[in-house]
């Protein structure tokens, strides 16, 4: 079933809709990636690329339509960079400890 076009297009449509209305595409895309039995690093890398692309696509909407990004929020984002770097480093170390078996391989 995970390789059938209807499954992939249904998940894609649902993920696209849920990310636009509530940033909820993560669990939906994870279900698809788990169904595809992606290896651990491919799972994480694919999810990272997917959300980079989705979020870059959404930026113009946040700036010009919803007006949820302002100069003030960008300044706050800059203050959070040390936490992002720490989270990146911690994430790498945690992922190394996760058993590949949890990803269906």
PDB file of N, CA and C in Angstrom:
ATOM      1  N   UNK A   1       0.799  -1.214   0.000  1.00  0.00           N
ATOM      2  CA  UNK A   1       0.000   0.000   0.000  1.00  0.00           C
ATOM      3  C   UNK A   1       0.845   1.285   0.000  1.00  0.00           C
ATOM      4  N   UNK A   2       1.964   1.366   0.748  1.00  0.00           N
ATOM      5  CA  UNK A   2       2.693   2.634   0.779  1.00  0.00           C
ATOM      6  C   UNK A   2       3.242   3.058  -0.579  1.00  0.00           C
ATOM      7  N   UNK A   3       3.396   2.135  -1.518  1.00  0.00           N
ATOM      8  CA  UNK A   3       3.933   2.516  -2.823  1.00  0.00           C
ATOM      9  C   UNK A   3       2.834   2.854  -3.822  1.00  0.00           C
ATOM     10  N   UNK A   4       1.582   2.676  -3.448  1.00  0.00           N
ATOM     11  CA  UNK A   4       0.473   2.985  -4.358  1.00  0.00           C
ATOM     12  C   UNK A   4       0.327   4.496  -4.497  1.00  0.00           C
ATOM     13  N   UNK A   5       0.062   4.959  -5.708  1.00  0.00           N
ATOM     14  CA  UNK A   5      -0.021   6.398  -5.980  1.00  0.00           C
ATOM     15  C   UNK A   5      -1.104   7.077  -5.140  1.00  0.00           C
ATOM     16  N   UNK A   6      -2.194   6.366  -4.850  1.00  0.00           N
ATOM     17  CA  UNK A   6      -3.283   6.976  -4.081  1.00  0.00           C
ATOM     18  C   UNK A   6      -2.851   7.250  -2.642  1.00  0.00           C
ATOM     19  N   UNK A   7      -2.074   6.340  -2.081  1.00  0.00           N
ATOM     20  CA  UNK A   7      -1.569   6.534  -0.725  1.00  0.00           C
ATOM     21  C   UNK A   7      -0.643   7.749  -0.680  1.00  0.00           C
ATOM     22  N   UNK A   8       0.306   7.799  -1.615  1.00  0.00           N
ATOM     23  CA  UNK A   8       1.264   8.907  -1.651  1.00  0.00           C
ATOM     24  C   UNK A   8       0.566  10.239  -1.902  1.00  0.00           C
ATOM     25  N   UNK A   9      -0.364  10.276  -2.849  1.00  0.00           N
ATOM     26  CA  UNK A   9      -1.027  11.550  -3.140  1.00  0.00           C
ATOM     27  C   UNK A   9      -1.965  11.961  -2.001  1.00  0.00           C
ATOM     28  N   UNK A  10      -2.596  10.995  -1.375  1.00  0.00           N
ATOM     29  CA  UNK A  10      -3.461  11.309  -0.224  1.00  0.00           C
ATOM     30  C   UNK A  10      -2.675  11.875   0.941  1.00  0.00           C
ATOM     31  N   UNK A  11      -1.554  11.226   1.250  1.00  0.00           N
ATOM     32  CA  UNK A  11      -0.698  11.726   2.335  1.00  0.00           C
ATOM     33  C   UNK A  11      -0.154  13.103   1.981  1.00  0.00           C
ATOM     34  N   UNK A  12       0.273  13.283   0.735  1.00  0.00           N
ATOM     35  CA  UNK A  12       0.809  14.583   0.310  1.00  0.00           C
ATOM     36  C   UNK A  12      -0.216  15.693   0.426  1.00  0.00           C
ATOM     37  N   UNK A  13      -1.436  15.408  -0.009  1.00  0.00           N
ATOM     38  CA  UNK A  13      -2.509  16.404   0.084  1.00  0.00           C
ATOM     39  C   UNK A  13      -2.818  16.732   1.536  1.00  0.00           C
ATOM     40  N   UNK A  14      -2.931  15.699   2.356  1.00  0.00           N
ATOM     41  CA  UNK A  14      -3.224  15.901   3.777  1.00  0.00           C
ATOM     42  C   UNK A  14      -2.093  16.665   4.465  1.00  0.00           C
ATOM     43  N   UNK A  15      -0.853  16.330   4.151  1.00  0.00           N
ATOM     44  CA  UNK A  15       0.285  17.034   4.754  1.00  0.00           C
ATOM     45  C   UNK A  15       0.308  18.493   4.306  1.00  0.00           C
ATOM     46  N   UNK A  16       0.055  18.735   3.030  1.00  0.00           N
ATOM     47  CA  UNK A  16       0.033  20.112   2.533  1.00  0.00           C
ATOM     48  C   UNK A  16      -1.048  20.942   3.194  1.00  0.00           C
ATOM     49  N   UNK A  17      -2.242  20.368   3.325  1.00  0.00           N
ATOM     50  CA  UNK A  17      -3.340  21.090   3.964  1.00  0.00           C
ATOM     51  C   UNK A  17      -3.040  21.368   5.431  1.00  0.00           C
ATOM     52  N   UNK A  18      -2.596  20.321   6.146  1.00  0.00           N
ATOM     53  CA  UNK A  18      -2.390  20.500   7.588  1.00  0.00           C
ATOM     54  C   UNK A  18      -1.234  21.435   7.908  1.00  0.00           C
ATOM     55  N   UNK A  19      -0.216  21.491   7.045  1.00  0.00           N
ATOM     56  CA  UNK A  19       0.888  22.413   7.328  1.00  0.00           C
ATOM     57  C   UNK A  19       0.450  23.857   7.113  1.00  0.00           C
ATOM     58  N   UNK A  20      -0.462  24.093   6.194  1.00  0.00           N
ATOM     59  CA  UNK A  20      -0.919  25.464   5.948  1.00  0.00           C
ATOM     60  C   UNK A  20      -1.888  25.950   7.019  1.00  0.00           C
ATOM     61  N   UNK A  21      -2.657  25.042   7.618  1.00  0.00           N
ATOM     62  CA  UNK A  21      -3.638  25.491   8.605  1.00  0.00           C
ATOM     63  C   UNK A  21      -3.152  25.350  10.044  1.00  0.00           C
ATOM     64  N   UNK A  22      -2.107  24.567  10.290  1.00  0.00           N
ATOM     65  CA  UNK A  22      -1.715  24.419  11.682  1.00  0.00           C
ATOM     66  C   UNK A  22      -0.359  23.814  11.946  1.00  0.00           C
ATOM     67  N   UNK A  23       0.539  23.831  10.968  1.00  0.00           N
ATOM     68  CA  UNK A  23       1.874  23.249  11.149  1.00  0.00           C
ATOM     69  C   UNK A  23       1.800  21.822  11.676  1.00  0.00           C
ATOM     70  N   UNK A  24       0.916  21.029  11.100  1.00  0.00           N
ATOM     71  CA  UNK A  24       0.697  19.665  11.575  1.00  0.00           C
ATOM     72  C   UNK A  24       1.142  18.592  10.591  1.00  0.00           C
ATOM     73  N   UNK A  25       1.955  18.908   9.629  1.00  0.00           N
ATOM     74  CA  UNK A  25       2.345  17.924   8.621  1.00  0.00           C
ATOM     75  C   UNK A  25       3.359  16.906   9.149  1.00  0.00           C
ATOM     76  N   UNK A  26       4.028  17.209  10.231  1.00  0.00           N
ATOM     77  CA  UNK A  26       5.052  16.309  10.762  1.00  0.00           C
ATOM     78  C   UNK A  26       4.556  14.899  11.016  1.00  0.00           C
ATOM     79  N   UNK A  27       3.514  14.722  11.820  1.00  0.00           N
ATOM     80  CA  UNK A  27       3.027  13.364  12.072  1.00  0.00           C
ATOM     81  C   UNK A  27       2.546  12.654  10.803  1.00  0.00           C
ATOM     82  N   UNK A  28       1.939  13.390   9.907  1.00  0.00           N
ATOM     83  CA  UNK A  28       1.431  12.785   8.677  1.00  0.00           C
ATOM     84  C   UNK A  28       2.581  12.328   7.794  1.00  0.00           C
ATOM     85  N   UNK A  29       3.578  13.179   7.617  1.00  0.00           N
ATOM     86  CA  UNK A  29       4.722  12.784   6.798  1.00  0.00           C
ATOM     87  C   UNK A  29       5.500  11.651   7.469  1.00  0.00           C
ATOM     88  N   UNK A  30       5.568  11.649   8.795  1.00  0.00           N
ATOM     89  CA  UNK A  30       6.250  10.560   9.499  1.00  0.00           C
ATOM     90  C   UNK A  30       5.562   9.223   9.258  1.00  0.00           C
ATOM     91  N   UNK A  31       4.248   9.219   9.219  1.00  0.00           N
ATOM     92  CA  UNK A  31       3.518   7.986   8.918  1.00  0.00           C
ATOM     93  C   UNK A  31       3.924   7.480   7.543  1.00  0.00           C
ATOM     94  N   UNK A  32       4.003   8.375   6.571  1.00  0.00           N
ATOM     95  CA  UNK A  32       4.391   7.984   5.221  1.00  0.00           C
ATOM     96  C   UNK A  32       5.830   7.463   5.192  1.00  0.00           C
ATOM     97  N   UNK A  33       6.744   8.167   5.840  1.00  0.00           N
ATOM     98  CA  UNK A  33       8.144   7.743   5.840  1.00  0.00           C
ATOM     99  C   UNK A  33       8.315   6.402   6.543  1.00  0.00           C
ATOM    100  N   UNK A  34       7.568   6.180   7.629  1.00  0.00           N
ATOM    101  CA  UNK A  34       7.632   4.888   8.313  1.00  0.00           C
ATOM    102  C   UNK A  34       7.044   3.781   7.446  1.00  0.00           C
ATOM    103  N   UNK A  35       5.953   4.081   6.748  1.00  0.00           N
ATOM    104  CA  UNK A  35       5.347   3.092   5.854  1.00  0.00           C
ATOM    105  C   UNK A  35       6.306   2.723   4.721  1.00  0.00           C
ATOM    106  N   UNK A  36       7.120   3.683   4.302  1.00  0.00           N
ATOM    107  CA  UNK A  36       8.102   3.425   3.246  1.00  0.00           C
ATOM    108  C   UNK A  36       9.332   2.697   3.785  1.00  0.00           C
ATOM    109  N   UNK A  37       9.415   2.528   5.084  1.00  0.00           N
ATOM    110  CA  UNK A  37      10.523   1.838   5.757  1.00  0.00           C
ATOM    111  C   UNK A  37      11.883   2.457   5.417  1.00  0.00           C
ATOM    112  N   UNK A  38      11.899   3.772   5.476  1.00  0.00           N
ATOM    113  CA  UNK A  38      13.168   4.471   5.217  1.00  0.00           C
ATOM    114  C   UNK A  38      14.152   4.177   6.340  1.00  0.00           C
ATOM    115  N   UNK A  39      15.426   3.981   6.010  1.00  0.00           N
ATOM    116  CA  UNK A  39      16.448   3.861   7.064  1.00  0.00           C
ATOM    117  C   UNK A  39      16.494   5.146   7.893  1.00  0.00           C
ATOM    118  N   UNK A  40      17.001   5.025   9.103  1.00  0.00           N
ATOM    119  CA  UNK A  40      16.997   6.130  10.074  1.00  0.00           C
ATOM    120  C   UNK A  40      17.511   7.445   9.486  1.00  0.00           C
ATOM    121  N   UNK A  41      18.701   7.441   8.920  1.00  0.00           N
ATOM    122  CA  UNK A  41      19.270   8.697   8.420  1.00  0.00           C
ATOM    123  C   UNK A  41      18.515   9.230   7.216  1.00  0.00           C
ATOM    124  N   UNK A  42      17.984   8.361   6.372  1.00  0.00           N
ATOM    125  CA  UNK A  42      17.170   8.808   5.235  1.00  0.00           C
ATOM    126  C   UNK A  42      15.856   9.409   5.725  1.00  0.00           C
ATOM    127  N   UNK A  43      15.262   8.781   6.745  1.00  0.00           N
ATOM    128  CA  UNK A  43      14.026   9.280   7.355  1.00  0.00           C
ATOM    129  C   UNK A  43      14.233  10.712   7.851  1.00  0.00           C
ATOM    130  N   UNK A  44      15.272  10.910   8.641  1.00  0.00           N
ATOM    131  CA  UNK A  44      15.529  12.223   9.237  1.00  0.00           C
ATOM    132  C   UNK A  44      15.906  13.241   8.164  1.00  0.00           C
ATOM    133  N   UNK A  45      16.747  12.839   7.227  1.00  0.00           N
ATOM    134  CA  UNK A  45      17.160  13.747   6.164  1.00  0.00           C
ATOM    135  C   UNK A  45      16.014  14.142   5.248  1.00  0.00           C
ATOM    136  N   UNK A  46      15.174  13.172   4.905  1.00  0.00           N
ATOM    137  CA  UNK A  46      14.026  13.465   4.043  1.00  0.00           C
ATOM    138  C   UNK A  46      13.062  14.414   4.740  1.00  0.00           C
ATOM    139  N   UNK A  47      12.822  14.172   6.020  1.00  0.00           N
ATOM    140  CA  UNK A  47      11.939  15.063   6.778  1.00  0.00           C
ATOM    141  C   UNK A  47      12.529  16.473   6.847  1.00  0.00           C
ATOM    142  N   UNK A  48      13.831  16.572   7.058  1.00  0.00           N
ATOM    143  CA  UNK A  48      14.472  17.895   7.134  1.00  0.00           C
ATOM    144  C   UNK A  48      14.319  18.646   5.812  1.00  0.00           C
ATOM    145  N   UNK A  49      14.588  17.965   4.697  1.00  0.00           N
ATOM    146  CA  UNK A  49      14.439  18.616   3.391  1.00  0.00           C
ATOM    147  C   UNK A  49      12.991  18.986   3.114  1.00  0.00           C
ATOM    148  N   UNK A  50      12.073  18.084   3.443  1.00  0.00           N
ATOM    149  CA  UNK A  50      10.653  18.354   3.212  1.00  0.00           C
ATOM    150  C   UNK A  50      10.228  19.633   3.926  1.00  0.00           C
ATOM    151  N   UNK A  51      10.581  19.760   5.198  1.00  0.00           N
ATOM    152  CA  UNK A  51      10.118  20.922   5.952  1.00  0.00           C
ATOM    153  C   UNK A  51      10.892  22.188   5.616  1.00  0.00           C
ATOM    154  N   UNK A  52      12.124  22.053   5.165  1.00  0.00           N
ATOM    155  CA  UNK A  52      12.824  23.228   4.644  1.00  0.00           C
ATOM    156  C   UNK A  52      12.074  23.774   3.431  1.00  0.00           C
ATOM    157  N   UNK A  53      11.736  22.894   2.505  1.00  0.00           N
ATOM    158  CA  UNK A  53      11.030  23.319   1.291  1.00  0.00           C
ATOM    159  C   UNK A  53       9.652  23.887   1.628  1.00  0.00           C
ATOM    160  N   UNK A  54       8.917  23.190   2.486  1.00  0.00           N
ATOM    161  CA  UNK A  54       7.574  23.661   2.868  1.00  0.00           C
ATOM    162  C   UNK A  54       7.650  25.031   3.531  1.00  0.00           C
ATOM    163  N   UNK A  55       8.578  25.195   4.469  1.00  0.00           N
ATOM    164  CA  UNK A  55       8.644  26.452   5.219  1.00  0.00           C
ATOM    165  C   UNK A  55       9.146  27.612   4.374  1.00  0.00           C
ATOM    166  N   UNK A  56      10.049  27.345   3.445  1.00  0.00           N
ATOM    167  CA  UNK A  56      10.478  28.413   2.529  1.00  0.00           C
ATOM    168  C   UNK A  56       9.300  28.825   1.647  1.00  0.00           C
ATOM    169  N   UNK A  57       8.512  27.845   1.208  1.00  0.00           N
ATOM    170  CA  UNK A  57       7.323  28.139   0.406  1.00  0.00           C
ATOM    171  C   UNK A  57       6.330  29.011   1.184  1.00  0.00           C
ATOM    172  N   UNK A  58       6.205  28.761   2.487  1.00  0.00           N
ATOM    173  CA  UNK A  58       5.234  29.487   3.305  1.00  0.00           C
ATOM    174  C   UNK A  58       5.682  30.891   3.700  1.00  0.00           C
ATOM    175  N   UNK A  59       6.990  31.195   3.594  1.00  0.00           N
ATOM    176  CA  UNK A  59       7.488  32.506   4.030  1.00  0.00           C
ATOM    177  C   UNK A  59       6.753  33.693   3.410  1.00  0.00           C
ATOM    178  N   UNK A  60       6.540  33.725   2.095  1.00  0.00           N
ATOM    179  CA  UNK A  60       5.809  34.879   1.544  1.00  0.00           C
ATOM    180  C   UNK A  60       4.410  35.043   2.132  1.00  0.00           C
ATOM    181  N   UNK A  61       3.752  33.935   2.424  1.00  0.00           N
ATOM    182  CA  UNK A  61       2.425  34.025   3.044  1.00  0.00           C
ATOM    183  C   UNK A  61       2.524  34.648   4.434  1.00  0.00           C
ATOM    184  N   UNK A  62       3.550  34.238   5.203  1.00  0.00           N
ATOM    185  CA  UNK A  62       3.733  34.801   6.543  1.00  0.00           C
ATOM    186  C   UNK A  62       4.057  36.289   6.486  1.00  0.00           C
ATOM    187  N   UNK A  63       4.828  36.717   5.511  1.00  0.00           N
ATOM    188  CA  UNK A  63       5.181  38.133   5.394  1.00  0.00           C
ATOM    189  C   UNK A  63       4.025  38.985   4.875  1.00  0.00           C
ATOM    190  N   UNK A  64       3.397  38.554   3.786  1.00  0.00           N
ATOM    191  CA  UNK A  64       2.489  39.431   3.046  1.00  0.00           C
ATOM    192  C   UNK A  64       1.006  39.141   3.223  1.00  0.00           C
ATOM    193  N   UNK A  65       0.639  37.921   3.559  1.00  0.00           N
ATOM    194  CA  UNK A  65      -0.784  37.584   3.677  1.00  0.00           C
ATOM    195  C   UNK A  65      -1.215  37.560   5.139  1.00  0.00           C
ATOM    196  N   UNK A  66      -0.550  36.736   5.933  1.00  0.00           N
ATOM    197  CA  UNK A  66      -0.941  36.588   7.330  1.00  0.00           C
ATOM    198  C   UNK A  66      -0.283  37.627   8.225  1.00  0.00           C
ATOM    199  N   UNK A  67       0.791  38.242   7.751  1.00  0.00           N
ATOM    200  CA  UNK A  67       1.546  39.252   8.499  1.00  0.00           C
ATOM    201  C   UNK A  67       1.953  38.759   9.889  1.00  0.00           C
ATOM    202  N   UNK A  68       2.458  37.530   9.943  1.00  0.00           N
ATOM    203  CA  UNK A  68       2.886  36.944  11.218  1.00  0.00           C
ATOM    204  C   UNK A  68       4.381  37.094  11.463  1.00  0.00           C
ATOM    205  N   UNK A  69       5.120  37.588  10.482  1.00  0.00           N
ATOM    206  CA  UNK A  69       6.551  37.840  10.657  1.00  0.00           C
ATOM    207  C   UNK A  69       6.790  39.347  10.534  1.00  0.00           C
ATOM    208  N   UNK A  70       7.436  39.887  11.561  1.00  0.00           N
ATOM    209  CA  UNK A  70       7.724  41.324  11.580  1.00  0.00           C
ATOM    210  C   UNK A  70       9.196  41.525  11.941  1.00  0.00           C
ATOM    211  N   UNK A  71       9.631  42.775  11.969  1.00  0.00           N
ATOM    212  CA  UNK A  71      11.005  43.071  12.383  1.00  0.00           C
ATOM    213  C   UNK A  71      11.246  42.580  13.811  1.00  0.00           C
ATOM    214  N   UNK A  72      10.243  42.741  14.662  1.00  0.00           N
ATOM    215  CA  UNK A  72      10.380  42.324  16.061  1.00  0.00           C
ATOM    216  C   UNK A  72      10.557  40.818  16.172  1.00  0.00           C
ATOM    217  N   UNK A  73       9.800  40.043  15.397  1.00  0.00           N
ATOM    218  CA  UNK A  73       9.929  38.595  15.481  1.00  0.00           C
ATOM    219  C   UNK A  73      11.249  38.130  14.870  1.00  0.00           C
ATOM    220  N   UNK A  74      11.752  38.845  13.874  1.00  0.00           N
ATOM    221  CA  UNK A  74      13.054  38.488  13.307  1.00  0.00           C
ATOM    222  C   UNK A  74      14.171  38.732  14.323  1.00  0.00           C
ATOM    223  N   UNK A  75      14.072  39.811  15.106  1.00  0.00           N
ATOM    224  CA  UNK A  75      15.059  40.075  16.161  1.00  0.00           C
ATOM    225  C   UNK A  75      15.009  38.959  17.204  1.00  0.00           C
ATOM    226  N   UNK A  76      13.822  38.550  17.585  1.00  0.00           N
ATOM    227  CA  UNK A  76      13.677  37.430  18.523  1.00  0.00           C
ATOM    228  C   UNK A  76      14.313  36.171  17.945  1.00  0.00           C
ATOM    229  N   UNK A  77      14.098  35.912  16.666  1.00  0.00           N
ATOM    230  CA  UNK A  77      14.700  34.742  16.015  1.00  0.00           C
ATOM    231  C   UNK A  77      16.221  34.767  16.120  1.00  0.00           C
ATOM    232  N   UNK A  78      16.817  35.940  15.928  1.00  0.00           N
ATOM    233  CA  UNK A  78      18.273  36.056  16.036  1.00  0.00           C
ATOM    234  C   UNK A  78      18.756  35.716  17.444  1.00  0.00           C
ATOM    235  N   UNK A  79      17.979  36.083  18.453  1.00  0.00           N
ATOM    236  CA  UNK A  79      18.343  35.772  19.837  1.00  0.00           C
ATOM    237  C   UNK A  79      18.286  34.271  20.117  1.00  0.00           C
ATOM    238  N   UNK A  80      17.523  33.536  19.335  1.00  0.00           N
ATOM    239  CA  UNK A  80      17.360  32.099  19.550  1.00  0.00           C
ATOM    240  C   UNK A  80      18.424  31.257  18.849  1.00  0.00           C
ATOM    241  N   UNK A  81      19.289  31.878  18.067  1.00  0.00           N
ATOM    242  CA  UNK A  81      20.300  31.127  17.312  1.00  0.00           C
ATOM    243  C   UNK A  81      21.188  30.247  18.207  1.00  0.00           C
ATOM    244  N   UNK A  82      21.659  30.707  19.373  1.00  0.00           N
ATOM    245  CA  UNK A  82      22.461  29.808  20.219  1.00  0.00           C
ATOM    246  C   UNK A  82      21.691  28.536  20.623  1.00  0.00           C
ATOM    247  N   UNK A  83      20.429  28.665  20.902  1.00  0.00           N
ATOM    248  CA  UNK A  83      19.615  27.495  21.242  1.00  0.00           C
ATOM    249  C   UNK A  83      19.443  26.557  20.063  1.00  0.00           C
ATOM    250  N   UNK A  84      19.334  27.118  18.879  1.00  0.00           N
ATOM    251  CA  UNK A  84      19.221  26.301  17.670  1.00  0.00           C
ATOM    252  C   UNK A  84      20.502  25.502  17.463  1.00  0.00           C
ATOM    253  N   UNK A  85      21.635  26.139  17.648  1.00  0.00           N
ATOM    254  CA  UNK A  85      22.920  25.451  17.484  1.00  0.00           C
ATOM    255  C   UNK A  85      23.061  24.341  18.523  1.00  0.00           C
ATOM    256  N   UNK A  86      22.715  24.634  19.769  1.00  0.00           N
ATOM    257  CA  UNK A  86      22.759  23.616  20.824  1.00  0.00           C
ATOM    258  C   UNK A  86      21.832  22.446  20.487  1.00  0.00           C
ATOM    259  N   UNK A  87      20.617  22.750  20.040  1.00  0.00           N
ATOM    260  CA  UNK A  87      19.675  21.703  19.656  1.00  0.00           C
ATOM    261  C   UNK A  87      20.183  20.859  18.503  1.00  0.00           C
ATOM    262  N   UNK A  88      20.852  21.490  17.552  1.00  0.00           N
ATOM    263  CA  UNK A  88      21.448  20.788  16.422  1.00  0.00           C
ATOM    264  C   UNK A  88      22.485  19.777  16.903  1.00  0.00           C
ATOM    265  N   UNK A  89      23.368  20.223  17.784  1.00  0.00           N
ATOM    266  CA  UNK A  89      24.428  19.351  18.300  1.00  0.00           C
ATOM    267  C   UNK A  89      23.833  18.211  19.138  1.00  0.00           C
ATOM    268  N   UNK A  90      22.887  18.538  20.017  1.00  0.00           N
ATOM    269  CA  UNK A  90      22.237  17.506  20.815  1.00  0.00           C
ATOM    270  C   UNK A  90      21.494  16.505  19.930  1.00  0.00           C
ATOM    271  N   UNK A  91      20.821  17.016  18.909  1.00  0.00           N
ATOM    272  CA  UNK A  91      20.075  16.147  18.001  1.00  0.00           C
ATOM    273  C   UNK A  91      20.966  15.144  17.300  1.00  0.00           C
ATOM    274  N   UNK A  92      22.113  15.580  16.845  1.00  0.00           N
ATOM    275  CA  UNK A  92      23.059  14.675  16.185  1.00  0.00           C
ATOM    276  C   UNK A  92      23.463  13.555  17.137  1.00  0.00           C
ATOM    277  N   UNK A  93      23.769  13.914  18.366  1.00  0.00           N
ATOM    278  CA  UNK A  93      24.195  12.910  19.342  1.00  0.00           C
ATOM    279  C   UNK A  93      23.069  11.955  19.725  1.00  0.00           C
ATOM    280  N   UNK A  94      21.862  12.456  19.824  1.00  0.00           N
ATOM    281  CA  UNK A  94      20.727  11.585  20.165  1.00  0.00           C
ATOM    282  C   UNK A  94      20.409  10.639  19.019  1.00  0.00           C
ATOM    283  N   UNK A  95      20.429  11.135  17.798  1.00  0.00           N
ATOM    284  CA  UNK A  95      20.118  10.294  16.634  1.00  0.00           C
ATOM    285  C   UNK A  95      21.110   9.140  16.521  1.00  0.00           C
ATOM    286  N   UNK A  96      22.361   9.370  16.846  1.00  0.00           N
ATOM    287  CA  UNK A  96      23.363   8.304  16.781  1.00  0.00           C
ATOM    288  C   UNK A  96      23.009   7.156  17.725  1.00  0.00           C
ATOM    289  N   UNK A  97      22.262   7.441  18.779  1.00  0.00           N
ATOM    290  CA  UNK A  97      21.929   6.424  19.786  1.00  0.00           C
ATOM    291  C   UNK A  97      20.601   5.709  19.501  1.00  0.00           C
ATOM    292  N   UNK A  98      19.828   6.196  18.549  1.00  0.00           N
ATOM    293  CA  UNK A  98      18.533   5.578  18.246  1.00  0.00           C
ATOM    294  C   UNK A  98      18.762   4.314  17.439  1.00  0.00           C
ATOM    295  N   UNK A  99      18.118   3.256  17.854  1.00  0.00           N
ATOM    296  CA  UNK A  99      18.242   1.954  17.201  1.00  0.00           C
ATOM    297  C   UNK A  99      17.562   2.001  15.835  1.00  0.00           C
ATOM    298  N   UNK A 100      18.263   1.528  14.811  1.00  0.00           N
ATOM    299  CA  UNK A 100      17.731   1.484  13.438  1.00  0.00           C
ATOM    300  C   UNK A 100      16.450   0.657  13.350  1.00  0.00           C
ATOM    301  N   UNK A 101      16.274  -0.318  14.238  1.00  0.00           N
ATOM    302  CA  UNK A 101      15.106  -1.212  14.208  1.00  0.00           C
ATOM    303  C   UNK A 101      13.794  -0.442  14.407  1.00  0.00           C
ATOM    304  N   UNK A 102      13.836   0.699  15.062  1.00  0.00           N
ATOM    305  CA  UNK A 102      12.627   1.481  15.274  1.00  0.00           C
ATOM    306  C   UNK A 102      12.072   2.044  13.959  1.00  0.00           C
ATOM    307  N   UNK A 103      12.880   2.040  12.914  1.00  0.00           N
ATOM    308  CA  UNK A 103      12.482   2.609  11.636  1.00  0.00           C
ATOM    309  C   UNK A 103      12.042   1.546  10.638  1.00  0.00           C
ATOM    310  N   UNK A 104      11.855   0.320  11.084  1.00  0.00           N
ATOM    311  CA  UNK A 104      11.292  -0.716  10.232  1.00  0.00           C
ATOM    312  C   UNK A 104      12.281  -1.476   9.390  1.00  0.00           C
ATOM    313  N   UNK A 105      13.551  -1.273   9.575  1.00  0.00           N
ATOM    314  CA  UNK A 105      14.553  -2.028   8.804  1.00  0.00           C
ATOM    315  C   UNK A 105      15.166  -3.086   9.656  1.00  0.00           C
TER     316      UNK A 105
END
